[in-house]
Each structure stands twice: as C-alpha cells, then as structure tokens.
Amino acid sequence: MKTINQKEFDEVTKTGICLVDFYATWCMPCRMFGAILEDIEEEIGESVKIFKVDVDENEALSRKFGVLSIPTILILKDGVLQEKHVGVWSKEDCIEAIKKYQ
C-alpha cells in the first residue's frame, strides 16, 4: 500500500478503481483500519489500487475532499469520486463497496 501526496494524487487515481485512505500516524482508528486495508489489498490484489494520504502532510488535498474526521475513505473510479466514508469500515463492507464499481 503506497502513501501518496497531493502531487501524485491526480496521476495515480485517474484510471481504474482506487481506494484512498486519509489518515494520520497518531490516529488509533486509522492504524486499526490500516490493518484491515492490508487484508483487503492481499485479498483483492491488482483489481483495485489502494493508497494512503497523510492528512498532516497534505492539508490542501484533505480540504479539497472535505476531510474533517479520520479515517476518511474515498472510492474513485477513473478519477471520479464515487463514495466517501468516514470512520473505520469493516473488511466485508469495504470489499462490497469496491465491488460495486468493478
């Protein structure tokens, strides 16, 4: 799972299905969800790109997507926002949401 910054965001999310986790290193729920994302990445492999964005290092990007609480998860398809979810998501619910766009 790659951590990206504002410069990389548009390029890496412009094609395919992407899940982007807005998080902070000090956030315990974010750490918990990070482990869930690792499981998801292992399970669904190449069909979805999963990225992380550190809100403390990418404030403008966080503002662009209205990230007020973390973790905030975005699902994008071909660069277009499809879903936004705030809080820890179960592995099953997350995979179900991703599959809607495959």
Protein backbone atom coordinates (compact mmCIF):
# COMPACT_ATOMS: atom_id res chain seq x y z
CA MET A 1 0.00 0.00 0.00
CA LYS A 2 1.58 3.23 -1.14
CA THR A 3 1.38 6.56 0.66
CA ILE A 4 0.87 9.35 -1.85
CA ASN A 5 0.97 13.13 -1.71
CA GLN A 6 -1.01 15.87 -3.39
CA LYS A 7 1.28 15.97 -6.43
CA GLU A 8 0.80 12.25 -7.10
CA PHE A 9 -2.92 12.05 -6.34
CA ASP A 10 -4.43 13.03 -9.71
CA GLU A 11 -2.00 10.89 -11.67
CA VAL A 12 -2.38 7.66 -9.68
CA THR A 13 -6.17 7.87 -9.33
CA LYS A 14 -7.07 8.84 -12.91
CA THR A 15 -7.64 5.28 -14.16
CA GLY A 16 -9.26 2.25 -12.64
CA ILE A 17 -10.75 1.82 -9.21
CA CYS A 18 -8.89 3.38 -6.31
CA LEU A 19 -9.49 3.36 -2.60
CA VAL A 20 -7.81 6.26 -0.80
CA ASP A 21 -7.46 6.29 2.98
CA PHE A 22 -6.97 9.73 4.53
CA TYR A 23 -5.24 9.06 7.85
CA ALA A 24 -2.75 10.37 10.42
CA THR A 25 0.10 8.47 12.05
CA TRP A 26 -1.12 9.41 15.55
CA CYS A 27 -4.72 8.22 14.94
CA MET A 28 -5.52 4.85 16.60
CA PRO A 29 -8.66 4.14 14.50
CA CYS A 30 -6.54 4.88 11.41
CA ARG A 31 -3.98 2.29 12.50
CA MET A 32 -6.75 -0.22 13.06
CA PHE A 33 -8.18 0.44 9.61
CA GLY A 34 -4.70 0.25 8.08
CA ALA A 35 -4.54 -3.40 9.12
CA ILE A 36 -7.94 -4.01 7.50
CA LEU A 37 -6.71 -2.36 4.29
CA GLU A 38 -3.67 -4.62 4.22
CA ASP A 39 -6.01 -7.65 4.38
CA ILE A 40 -8.17 -6.20 1.61
CA GLU A 41 -5.16 -5.48 -0.57
CA GLU A 42 -3.95 -9.05 -0.12
CA GLU A 43 -7.40 -10.47 -0.90
CA ILE A 44 -8.39 -8.44 -3.96
CA GLY A 45 -4.91 -7.87 -5.35
CA GLU A 46 -4.47 -5.94 -8.57
CA SER A 47 -8.14 -5.17 -9.30
CA VAL A 48 -8.13 -2.11 -7.02
CA LYS A 49 -5.36 0.33 -6.21
CA ILE A 50 -5.18 1.27 -2.53
CA PHE A 51 -3.42 4.43 -1.41
CA LYS A 52 -2.95 6.32 1.84
CA VAL A 53 -2.80 10.12 2.26
CA ASP A 54 -1.39 11.61 5.47
CA VAL A 55 -3.71 14.50 6.37
CA ASP A 56 -0.99 16.29 8.33
CA GLU A 57 1.25 16.45 5.27
CA ASN A 58 -1.48 17.08 2.67
CA GLU A 59 -3.81 19.68 4.14
CA ALA A 60 -4.94 21.16 0.81
CA LEU A 61 -5.89 17.75 -0.58
CA SER A 62 -7.74 16.94 2.63
CA ARG A 63 -9.67 20.21 2.35
CA LYS A 64 -10.47 19.52 -1.33
CA PHE A 65 -12.34 16.36 -0.32
CA GLY A 66 -13.85 17.81 2.86
CA VAL A 67 -11.93 15.53 5.19
CA LEU A 68 -12.92 16.67 8.69
CA SER A 69 -12.54 13.38 10.57
CA ILE A 70 -10.20 10.46 10.09
CA PRO A 71 -10.05 7.89 8.83
CA THR A 72 -11.93 9.06 5.73
CA ILE A 73 -12.07 6.65 2.82
CA LEU A 74 -12.71 7.64 -0.79
CA ILE A 75 -13.56 5.29 -3.61
CA LEU A 76 -12.75 6.72 -7.03
CA LYS A 77 -13.32 5.27 -10.47
CA ASP A 78 -11.33 6.75 -13.34
CA GLY A 79 -10.56 9.79 -11.17
CA VAL A 80 -14.20 10.49 -10.25
CA LEU A 81 -15.31 10.27 -6.63
CA GLN A 82 -17.92 7.53 -6.21
CA GLU A 83 -18.17 7.17 -2.42
CA LYS A 84 -16.88 8.77 0.74
CA HIS A 85 -16.97 7.03 4.10
CA VAL A 86 -15.89 8.40 7.49
CA GLY A 87 -14.70 6.08 10.23
CA VAL A 88 -13.45 2.53 10.42
CA TRP A 89 -15.16 0.27 7.93
CA SER A 90 -15.42 -3.50 8.22
CA LYS A 91 -13.42 -5.52 5.72
CA GLU A 92 -16.60 -7.05 4.29
CA ASP A 93 -18.41 -3.71 3.85
CA CYS A 94 -15.35 -2.17 2.24
CA ILE A 95 -14.96 -5.02 -0.25
CA GLU A 96 -18.68 -4.92 -1.04
CA ALA A 97 -18.46 -1.18 -1.78
CA ILE A 98 -15.44 -1.67 -4.04
CA LYS A 99 -17.12 -4.47 -6.00
CA LYS A 100 -19.97 -2.13 -6.97
CA TYR A 101 -17.56 -0.29 -9.26
CA GLN A 102 -15.74 -3.24 -10.85
